[in-house]
Amino acid sequence: MQQLFHTLRTIADKPEAVSGILYSILIISQKYFWNLHRGNKKELCGKEHTVVKFRELVSKNFAENKDVAFYAERLHISPKYLSEILVEYTGLSAKKWIEFHVMQEAKYLLSFRDMSVKEVAFQLGYTDTSHFSRAFRSYDGQLPTEFKNTVGNPKCSSSRI
């Protein structure tokens, strides 16, 4: 956690990269919270348990499986019911959670790894770079190459206002 905060201070002038670090901090904080929550012997209700299990499954399988049905099957519920539970407890559907996780990882890889867009797409389970680029643009409003260039050149980000 300390390393993440150190990295956050280091890249504070690169707003495009900050979101990935903040996301990591939130995930670690969430795990800490759930450990405390479980430590207090308070049982999670069925729906809360489903939300936690879904988030764990997504964090382990997002690169290979982006289909809501995959996660619903493992949780022994329908894709529609899974999304209903997630919207109720988090405000986001299952599809949006998966997309969020994939795109945050994409931003991290594009920001902090010396990887090409093609390599990032492949690592995230996309067999077609153009499909990854369309998904990234739909999510972030810019192509992954534009994002990578902006992160690499902070002066570009301030001129985009």
N, C-alpha and C. Protein backbone atom coordinates (compact mmCIF):
# COMPACT_ATOMS: atom_id res chain seq x y z
N MET A 1 0.83 -1.18 0.00
CA MET A 1 0.00 0.00 0.00
C MET A 1 0.88 1.25 0.00
N GLN A 2 1.96 1.22 0.79
CA GLN A 2 2.86 2.36 0.82
C GLN A 2 3.48 2.62 -0.55
N GLN A 3 3.82 1.56 -1.27
CA GLN A 3 4.38 1.71 -2.61
C GLN A 3 3.39 2.38 -3.55
N LEU A 4 2.12 2.02 -3.43
CA LEU A 4 1.09 2.64 -4.27
C LEU A 4 0.97 4.14 -3.98
N PHE A 5 1.00 4.51 -2.68
CA PHE A 5 0.94 5.93 -2.35
C PHE A 5 2.18 6.67 -2.83
N HIS A 6 3.33 6.02 -2.74
CA HIS A 6 4.56 6.64 -3.26
C HIS A 6 4.43 6.88 -4.77
N THR A 7 3.95 5.87 -5.47
CA THR A 7 3.76 6.00 -6.92
C THR A 7 2.75 7.09 -7.22
N LEU A 8 1.70 7.17 -6.44
CA LEU A 8 0.68 8.20 -6.63
C LEU A 8 1.29 9.59 -6.50
N ARG A 9 2.13 9.79 -5.49
CA ARG A 9 2.79 11.09 -5.33
C ARG A 9 3.72 11.38 -6.51
N THR A 10 4.38 10.36 -7.02
CA THR A 10 5.31 10.52 -8.12
C THR A 10 4.61 10.93 -9.42
N ILE A 11 3.41 10.42 -9.64
CA ILE A 11 2.72 10.67 -10.91
C ILE A 11 1.55 11.64 -10.75
N ALA A 12 1.52 12.41 -9.68
CA ALA A 12 0.39 13.29 -9.40
C ALA A 12 0.10 14.26 -10.55
N ASP A 13 1.11 14.58 -11.35
CA ASP A 13 0.90 15.51 -12.46
C ASP A 13 0.41 14.81 -13.73
N LYS A 14 0.14 13.52 -13.65
CA LYS A 14 -0.37 12.76 -14.79
C LYS A 14 -1.75 12.20 -14.45
N PRO A 15 -2.79 13.01 -14.61
CA PRO A 15 -4.12 12.57 -14.18
C PRO A 15 -4.61 11.30 -14.86
N GLU A 16 -4.13 11.03 -16.06
CA GLU A 16 -4.57 9.82 -16.76
C GLU A 16 -4.08 8.57 -16.05
N ALA A 17 -2.94 8.66 -15.40
CA ALA A 17 -2.36 7.49 -14.74
C ALA A 17 -2.84 7.35 -13.30
N VAL A 18 -3.27 8.44 -12.71
CA VAL A 18 -3.68 8.42 -11.31
C VAL A 18 -4.84 7.46 -11.08
N SER A 19 -5.76 7.37 -12.02
CA SER A 19 -6.94 6.52 -11.81
C SER A 19 -6.57 5.06 -11.57
N GLY A 20 -5.58 4.56 -12.27
CA GLY A 20 -5.16 3.17 -12.08
C GLY A 20 -4.61 2.93 -10.68
N ILE A 21 -3.81 3.86 -10.18
CA ILE A 21 -3.24 3.74 -8.84
C ILE A 21 -4.36 3.84 -7.80
N LEU A 22 -5.26 4.80 -7.98
CA LEU A 22 -6.37 4.94 -7.04
C LEU A 22 -7.23 3.69 -7.01
N TYR A 23 -7.44 3.11 -8.19
CA TYR A 23 -8.21 1.87 -8.26
C TYR A 23 -7.53 0.78 -7.44
N SER A 24 -6.23 0.64 -7.56
CA SER A 24 -5.50 -0.37 -6.80
C SER A 24 -5.62 -0.12 -5.29
N ILE A 25 -5.53 1.14 -4.89
CA ILE A 25 -5.68 1.49 -3.48
C ILE A 25 -7.06 1.11 -2.99
N LEU A 26 -8.07 1.38 -3.80
CA LEU A 26 -9.44 1.03 -3.42
C LEU A 26 -9.63 -0.47 -3.28
N ILE A 27 -9.06 -1.24 -4.19
CA ILE A 27 -9.18 -2.70 -4.12
C ILE A 27 -8.53 -3.22 -2.84
N ILE A 28 -7.34 -2.73 -2.52
CA ILE A 28 -6.67 -3.17 -1.30
C ILE A 28 -7.47 -2.76 -0.07
N SER A 29 -8.01 -1.54 -0.09
CA SER A 29 -8.83 -1.07 1.03
C SER A 29 -10.09 -1.90 1.18
N GLN A 30 -10.69 -2.27 0.05
CA GLN A 30 -11.89 -3.09 0.10
C GLN A 30 -11.58 -4.45 0.72
N LYS A 31 -10.46 -5.05 0.31
CA LYS A 31 -10.09 -6.35 0.89
C LYS A 31 -9.87 -6.23 2.39
N TYR A 32 -9.23 -5.14 2.81
CA TYR A 32 -8.99 -4.90 4.23
C TYR A 32 -10.32 -4.75 4.97
N PHE A 33 -11.24 -3.98 4.38
CA PHE A 33 -12.57 -3.79 4.97
C PHE A 33 -13.30 -5.12 5.13
N TRP A 34 -13.29 -5.93 4.06
CA TRP A 34 -14.01 -7.20 4.13
C TRP A 34 -13.38 -8.13 5.16
N ASN A 35 -12.05 -8.09 5.29
CA ASN A 35 -11.41 -8.91 6.32
C ASN A 35 -11.83 -8.45 7.71
N LEU A 36 -11.91 -7.15 7.92
CA LEU A 36 -12.39 -6.63 9.21
C LEU A 36 -13.84 -7.01 9.42
N HIS A 37 -14.62 -6.87 8.37
CA HIS A 37 -16.04 -7.17 8.43
C HIS A 37 -16.26 -8.63 8.82
N ARG A 38 -15.53 -9.50 8.19
CA ARG A 38 -15.63 -10.93 8.50
C ARG A 38 -15.07 -11.21 9.89
N GLY A 39 -14.04 -10.46 10.28
CA GLY A 39 -13.43 -10.63 11.59
C GLY A 39 -14.39 -10.28 12.72
N ASN A 40 -15.35 -9.43 12.44
CA ASN A 40 -16.35 -9.08 13.45
C ASN A 40 -17.46 -10.12 13.51
N LYS A 41 -17.30 -11.18 12.78
CA LYS A 41 -18.23 -12.31 12.77
C LYS A 41 -19.61 -11.94 12.23
N LYS A 42 -19.73 -10.77 11.62
CA LYS A 42 -21.00 -10.42 11.01
C LYS A 42 -21.07 -11.12 9.66
N GLU A 43 -22.08 -11.92 9.48
CA GLU A 43 -22.24 -12.65 8.24
C GLU A 43 -22.78 -11.74 7.14
N LEU A 44 -22.29 -11.94 5.97
CA LEU A 44 -22.81 -11.22 4.82
C LEU A 44 -24.12 -11.86 4.40
N CYS A 45 -25.05 -11.01 3.96
CA CYS A 45 -26.28 -11.59 3.43
C CYS A 45 -25.96 -12.22 2.08
N GLY A 46 -26.86 -12.99 1.54
CA GLY A 46 -26.64 -13.69 0.28
C GLY A 46 -26.22 -12.78 -0.85
N LYS A 47 -26.89 -11.64 -0.97
CA LYS A 47 -26.58 -10.72 -2.06
C LYS A 47 -25.21 -10.08 -1.87
N GLU A 48 -24.88 -9.69 -0.65
CA GLU A 48 -23.56 -9.11 -0.38
C GLU A 48 -22.47 -10.12 -0.69
N HIS A 49 -22.70 -11.34 -0.31
CA HIS A 49 -21.74 -12.42 -0.58
C HIS A 49 -21.56 -12.58 -2.09
N THR A 50 -22.65 -12.50 -2.84
CA THR A 50 -22.58 -12.60 -4.30
C THR A 50 -21.75 -11.47 -4.88
N VAL A 51 -21.93 -10.26 -4.37
CA VAL A 51 -21.15 -9.10 -4.85
C VAL A 51 -19.66 -9.33 -4.60
N VAL A 52 -19.32 -9.77 -3.41
CA VAL A 52 -17.92 -10.01 -3.06
C VAL A 52 -17.33 -11.11 -3.94
N LYS A 53 -18.05 -12.21 -4.09
CA LYS A 53 -17.56 -13.32 -4.92
C LYS A 53 -17.40 -12.89 -6.38
N PHE A 54 -18.36 -12.12 -6.88
CA PHE A 54 -18.27 -11.63 -8.26
C PHE A 54 -17.00 -10.79 -8.44
N ARG A 55 -16.76 -9.86 -7.53
CA ARG A 55 -15.58 -8.99 -7.64
C ARG A 55 -14.30 -9.82 -7.58
N GLU A 56 -14.27 -10.85 -6.76
CA GLU A 56 -13.09 -11.73 -6.69
C GLU A 56 -12.91 -12.48 -8.00
N LEU A 57 -14.00 -13.00 -8.55
CA LEU A 57 -13.93 -13.72 -9.82
C LEU A 57 -13.45 -12.81 -10.95
N VAL A 58 -13.97 -11.61 -11.00
CA VAL A 58 -13.57 -10.67 -12.05
C VAL A 58 -12.08 -10.35 -11.93
N SER A 59 -11.61 -10.10 -10.73
CA SER A 59 -10.20 -9.76 -10.56
C SER A 59 -9.27 -10.88 -10.99
N LYS A 60 -9.74 -12.12 -10.94
CA LYS A 60 -8.92 -13.26 -11.33
C LYS A 60 -9.08 -13.65 -12.79
N ASN A 61 -10.22 -13.33 -13.40
CA ASN A 61 -10.54 -13.87 -14.72
C ASN A 61 -10.83 -12.84 -15.81
N PHE A 62 -10.69 -11.55 -15.52
CA PHE A 62 -11.13 -10.53 -16.47
C PHE A 62 -10.43 -10.59 -17.82
N ALA A 63 -9.19 -11.01 -17.86
CA ALA A 63 -8.46 -11.04 -19.13
C ALA A 63 -8.98 -12.15 -20.05
N GLU A 64 -9.37 -13.26 -19.47
CA GLU A 64 -9.83 -14.39 -20.27
C GLU A 64 -11.34 -14.39 -20.49
N ASN A 65 -12.09 -13.81 -19.56
CA ASN A 65 -13.55 -13.91 -19.60
C ASN A 65 -14.19 -12.55 -19.36
N LYS A 66 -14.80 -12.04 -20.40
CA LYS A 66 -15.46 -10.74 -20.32
C LYS A 66 -16.99 -10.88 -20.43
N ASP A 67 -17.47 -12.12 -20.44
CA ASP A 67 -18.88 -12.39 -20.61
C ASP A 67 -19.56 -12.56 -19.25
N VAL A 68 -20.64 -11.82 -19.04
CA VAL A 68 -21.37 -11.88 -17.77
C VAL A 68 -21.82 -13.31 -17.46
N ALA A 69 -22.20 -14.05 -18.49
CA ALA A 69 -22.68 -15.42 -18.29
C ALA A 69 -21.63 -16.31 -17.62
N PHE A 70 -20.36 -16.09 -17.92
CA PHE A 70 -19.28 -16.86 -17.30
C PHE A 70 -19.32 -16.70 -15.78
N TYR A 71 -19.44 -15.46 -15.32
CA TYR A 71 -19.45 -15.18 -13.89
C TYR A 71 -20.74 -15.65 -13.23
N ALA A 72 -21.85 -15.43 -13.90
CA ALA A 72 -23.14 -15.86 -13.36
C ALA A 72 -23.18 -17.37 -13.17
N GLU A 73 -22.64 -18.09 -14.15
CA GLU A 73 -22.61 -19.56 -14.06
C GLU A 73 -21.83 -20.01 -12.84
N ARG A 74 -20.69 -19.39 -12.58
CA ARG A 74 -19.88 -19.76 -11.42
C ARG A 74 -20.54 -19.40 -10.10
N LEU A 75 -21.42 -18.41 -10.14
CA LEU A 75 -22.14 -18.01 -8.94
C LEU A 75 -23.50 -18.71 -8.82
N HIS A 76 -23.80 -19.53 -9.82
CA HIS A 76 -25.04 -20.32 -9.84
C HIS A 76 -26.30 -19.45 -9.85
N ILE A 77 -26.23 -18.37 -10.62
CA ILE A 77 -27.39 -17.49 -10.80
C ILE A 77 -27.45 -17.07 -12.26
N SER A 78 -28.54 -16.45 -12.66
CA SER A 78 -28.66 -16.01 -14.05
C SER A 78 -27.90 -14.70 -14.25
N PRO A 79 -27.45 -14.42 -15.46
CA PRO A 79 -26.77 -13.16 -15.74
C PRO A 79 -27.63 -11.94 -15.38
N LYS A 80 -28.92 -12.03 -15.66
CA LYS A 80 -29.82 -10.91 -15.35
C LYS A 80 -29.88 -10.66 -13.84
N TYR A 81 -30.02 -11.72 -13.05
CA TYR A 81 -30.08 -11.57 -11.60
C TYR A 81 -28.76 -11.05 -11.05
N LEU A 82 -27.65 -11.50 -11.59
CA LEU A 82 -26.34 -11.00 -11.17
C LEU A 82 -26.26 -9.50 -11.37
N SER A 83 -26.66 -9.04 -12.54
CA SER A 83 -26.62 -7.59 -12.81
C SER A 83 -27.57 -6.83 -11.89
N GLU A 84 -28.73 -7.40 -11.62
CA GLU A 84 -29.68 -6.74 -10.72
C GLU A 84 -29.08 -6.56 -9.32
N ILE A 85 -28.44 -7.60 -8.82
CA ILE A 85 -27.80 -7.52 -7.50
C ILE A 85 -26.71 -6.46 -7.50
N LEU A 86 -25.87 -6.47 -8.53
CA LEU A 86 -24.76 -5.52 -8.59
C LEU A 86 -25.27 -4.09 -8.70
N VAL A 87 -26.28 -3.86 -9.50
CA VAL A 87 -26.84 -2.51 -9.62
C VAL A 87 -27.41 -2.08 -8.26
N GLU A 88 -28.09 -2.99 -7.59
CA GLU A 88 -28.68 -2.69 -6.28
C GLU A 88 -27.61 -2.29 -5.25
N TYR A 89 -26.50 -3.03 -5.22
CA TYR A 89 -25.48 -2.81 -4.20
C TYR A 89 -24.35 -1.87 -4.60
N THR A 90 -24.11 -1.73 -5.90
CA THR A 90 -22.96 -0.93 -6.33
C THR A 90 -23.32 0.18 -7.31
N GLY A 91 -24.48 0.08 -7.94
CA GLY A 91 -24.86 1.07 -8.93
C GLY A 91 -24.39 0.76 -10.34
N LEU A 92 -23.61 -0.31 -10.49
CA LEU A 92 -23.10 -0.70 -11.81
C LEU A 92 -23.54 -2.12 -12.14
N SER A 93 -23.84 -2.36 -13.41
CA SER A 93 -24.19 -3.71 -13.86
C SER A 93 -22.94 -4.58 -13.92
N ALA A 94 -23.14 -5.88 -14.07
CA ALA A 94 -22.01 -6.81 -14.19
C ALA A 94 -21.14 -6.45 -15.39
N LYS A 95 -21.76 -6.15 -16.51
CA LYS A 95 -21.01 -5.80 -17.72
C LYS A 95 -20.15 -4.55 -17.48
N LYS A 96 -20.70 -3.56 -16.79
CA LYS A 96 -19.95 -2.33 -16.50
C LYS A 96 -18.79 -2.60 -15.55
N TRP A 97 -18.99 -3.51 -14.56
CA TRP A 97 -17.90 -3.86 -13.65
C TRP A 97 -16.76 -4.52 -14.40
N ILE A 98 -17.10 -5.45 -15.28
CA ILE A 98 -16.07 -6.15 -16.05
C ILE A 98 -15.33 -5.15 -16.94
N GLU A 99 -16.08 -4.31 -17.63
CA GLU A 99 -15.47 -3.29 -18.50
C GLU A 99 -14.57 -2.36 -17.69
N PHE A 100 -15.04 -1.93 -16.53
CA PHE A 100 -14.25 -1.05 -15.67
C PHE A 100 -12.93 -1.71 -15.30
N HIS A 101 -12.99 -2.97 -14.89
CA HIS A 101 -11.78 -3.67 -14.48
C HIS A 101 -10.80 -3.82 -15.64
N VAL A 102 -11.30 -4.22 -16.80
CA VAL A 102 -10.45 -4.39 -17.98
C VAL A 102 -9.81 -3.07 -18.38
N MET A 103 -10.58 -2.00 -18.39
CA MET A 103 -10.04 -0.72 -18.85
C MET A 103 -9.08 -0.10 -17.84
N GLN A 104 -9.30 -0.32 -16.56
CA GLN A 104 -8.34 0.16 -15.57
C GLN A 104 -7.01 -0.57 -15.71
N GLU A 105 -7.08 -1.86 -15.97
CA GLU A 105 -5.85 -2.63 -16.21
C GLU A 105 -5.17 -2.15 -17.49
N ALA A 106 -5.97 -1.86 -18.52
CA ALA A 106 -5.41 -1.35 -19.77
C ALA A 106 -4.68 -0.03 -19.52
N LYS A 107 -5.30 0.85 -18.78
CA LYS A 107 -4.66 2.15 -18.47
C LYS A 107 -3.37 1.94 -17.69
N TYR A 108 -3.40 1.02 -16.74
CA TYR A 108 -2.20 0.73 -15.98
C TYR A 108 -1.09 0.23 -16.90
N LEU A 109 -1.41 -0.74 -17.73
CA LEU A 109 -0.39 -1.31 -18.62
C LEU A 109 0.13 -0.28 -19.61
N LEU A 110 -0.75 0.55 -20.12
CA LEU A 110 -0.32 1.59 -21.07
C LEU A 110 0.49 2.68 -20.39
N SER A 111 0.25 2.91 -19.10
CA SER A 111 0.93 3.98 -18.37
C SER A 111 2.28 3.58 -17.80
N PHE A 112 2.36 2.36 -17.28
CA PHE A 112 3.53 2.00 -16.50
C PHE A 112 4.36 0.88 -17.08
N ARG A 113 3.93 0.30 -18.14
CA ARG A 113 4.70 -0.78 -18.74
C ARG A 113 5.14 -0.34 -20.13
N ASP A 114 6.29 -0.79 -20.51
CA ASP A 114 6.78 -0.47 -21.84
C ASP A 114 6.21 -1.49 -22.82
N MET A 115 4.90 -1.42 -23.01
CA MET A 115 4.20 -2.37 -23.87
C MET A 115 3.50 -1.60 -24.98
N SER A 116 3.47 -2.21 -26.15
CA SER A 116 2.73 -1.60 -27.25
C SER A 116 1.23 -1.83 -27.02
N VAL A 117 0.41 -1.10 -27.75
CA VAL A 117 -1.03 -1.27 -27.67
C VAL A 117 -1.39 -2.70 -28.04
N LYS A 118 -0.73 -3.25 -29.04
CA LYS A 118 -1.00 -4.63 -29.46
C LYS A 118 -0.69 -5.61 -28.33
N GLU A 119 0.42 -5.41 -27.62
CA GLU A 119 0.78 -6.29 -26.51
C GLU A 119 -0.24 -6.18 -25.37
N VAL A 120 -0.68 -4.96 -25.08
CA VAL A 120 -1.68 -4.75 -24.03
C VAL A 120 -2.98 -5.45 -24.41
N ALA A 121 -3.40 -5.26 -25.65
CA ALA A 121 -4.63 -5.89 -26.13
C ALA A 121 -4.55 -7.41 -25.97
N PHE A 122 -3.43 -7.97 -26.37
CA PHE A 122 -3.24 -9.42 -26.27
C PHE A 122 -3.26 -9.87 -24.82
N GLN A 123 -2.58 -9.14 -23.94
CA GLN A 123 -2.53 -9.52 -22.52
C GLN A 123 -3.92 -9.46 -21.89
N LEU A 124 -4.76 -8.58 -22.38
CA LEU A 124 -6.11 -8.44 -21.84
C LEU A 124 -7.12 -9.37 -22.52
N GLY A 125 -6.63 -10.25 -23.37
CA GLY A 125 -7.49 -11.26 -23.96
C GLY A 125 -8.14 -10.88 -25.27
N TYR A 126 -7.74 -9.78 -25.85
CA TYR A 126 -8.28 -9.38 -27.15
C TYR A 126 -7.42 -10.01 -28.24
N THR A 127 -8.05 -10.65 -29.20
CA THR A 127 -7.30 -11.23 -30.31
C THR A 127 -7.16 -10.24 -31.45
N ASP A 128 -7.95 -9.18 -31.43
CA ASP A 128 -7.95 -8.17 -32.47
C ASP A 128 -7.68 -6.81 -31.85
N THR A 129 -6.57 -6.19 -32.22
CA THR A 129 -6.20 -4.89 -31.66
C THR A 129 -7.26 -3.83 -31.95
N SER A 130 -7.88 -3.90 -33.11
CA SER A 130 -8.87 -2.88 -33.45
C SER A 130 -10.10 -3.00 -32.53
N HIS A 131 -10.45 -4.21 -32.13
CA HIS A 131 -11.57 -4.40 -31.19
C HIS A 131 -11.22 -3.79 -29.84
N PHE A 132 -10.00 -4.02 -29.37
CA PHE A 132 -9.53 -3.42 -28.13
C PHE A 132 -9.55 -1.90 -28.24
N SER A 133 -9.06 -1.36 -29.34
CA SER A 133 -9.02 0.09 -29.53
C SER A 133 -10.42 0.70 -29.50
N ARG A 134 -11.37 0.03 -30.15
CA ARG A 134 -12.76 0.52 -30.13
C ARG A 134 -13.33 0.49 -28.72
N ALA A 135 -13.09 -0.60 -28.00
CA ALA A 135 -13.58 -0.72 -26.63
C ALA A 135 -12.96 0.35 -25.73
N PHE A 136 -11.67 0.58 -25.90
CA PHE A 136 -10.98 1.59 -25.10
C PHE A 136 -11.53 2.98 -25.41
N ARG A 137 -11.70 3.27 -26.69
CA ARG A 137 -12.22 4.59 -27.09
C ARG A 137 -13.65 4.79 -26.58
N SER A 138 -14.44 3.76 -26.64
CA SER A 138 -15.81 3.84 -26.14
C SER A 138 -15.82 4.13 -24.64
N TYR A 139 -14.88 3.55 -23.93
CA TYR A 139 -14.80 3.71 -22.48
C TYR A 139 -14.18 5.05 -22.09
N ASP A 140 -13.07 5.41 -22.74
CA ASP A 140 -12.27 6.54 -22.30
C ASP A 140 -12.38 7.78 -23.19
N GLY A 141 -12.95 7.64 -24.36
CA GLY A 141 -13.09 8.79 -25.25
C GLY A 141 -11.88 9.07 -26.12
N GLN A 142 -10.87 8.24 -26.02
CA GLN A 142 -9.68 8.38 -26.85
C GLN A 142 -9.12 7.01 -27.17
N LEU A 143 -8.34 6.95 -28.21
CA LEU A 143 -7.70 5.69 -28.59
C LEU A 143 -6.59 5.36 -27.60
N PRO A 144 -6.27 4.09 -27.44
CA PRO A 144 -5.19 3.73 -26.51
C PRO A 144 -3.85 4.37 -26.89
N THR A 145 -3.60 4.54 -28.18
CA THR A 145 -2.35 5.20 -28.58
C THR A 145 -2.34 6.65 -28.13
N GLU A 146 -3.48 7.32 -28.21
CA GLU A 146 -3.57 8.71 -27.75
C GLU A 146 -3.36 8.77 -26.23
N PHE A 147 -3.98 7.83 -25.52
CA PHE A 147 -3.82 7.77 -24.07
C PHE A 147 -2.35 7.56 -23.71
N LYS A 148 -1.71 6.60 -24.38
CA LYS A 148 -0.30 6.29 -24.11
C LYS A 148 0.58 7.50 -24.38
N ASN A 149 0.32 8.21 -25.47
CA ASN A 149 1.10 9.41 -25.80
C ASN A 149 0.86 10.53 -24.79
N THR A 150 -0.36 10.67 -24.31
CA THR A 150 -0.67 11.70 -23.33
C THR A 150 0.01 11.41 -22.00
N VAL A 151 0.00 10.16 -21.59
CA VAL A 151 0.66 9.77 -20.35
C VAL A 151 2.16 9.99 -20.46
N GLY A 152 2.70 9.70 -21.64
CA GLY A 152 4.14 9.87 -21.85
C GLY A 152 4.56 11.33 -21.98
N ASN A 153 3.60 12.22 -22.29
CA ASN A 153 3.89 13.62 -22.45
C ASN A 153 2.86 14.45 -21.70
N PRO A 154 3.10 14.74 -20.38
CA PRO A 154 2.12 15.41 -19.55
C PRO A 154 1.67 16.78 -20.09
N LYS A 155 2.49 17.44 -20.90
CA LYS A 155 2.11 18.74 -21.42
C LYS A 155 0.88 18.63 -22.32
N CYS A 156 0.71 17.46 -22.97
CA CYS A 156 -0.44 17.26 -23.84
C CYS A 156 -1.72 17.26 -23.05
N SER A 157 -1.70 16.70 -21.83
CA SER A 157 -2.94 16.58 -21.07
C SER A 157 -3.47 17.93 -20.64
N SER A 158 -2.58 18.88 -20.33
CA SER A 158 -3.06 20.18 -19.89
C SER A 158 -3.62 21.00 -21.05
N SER A 159 -3.21 20.69 -22.28
CA SER A 159 -3.70 21.45 -23.42
C SER A 159 -5.02 20.89 -23.94
N ARG A 160 -5.49 19.76 -23.37
CA ARG A 160 -6.72 19.16 -23.86
C ARG A 160 -7.96 19.73 -23.19
N ILE A 161 -7.82 20.67 -22.29
CA ILE A 161 -8.96 21.22 -21.56
C ILE A 161 -9.84 22.06 -22.43
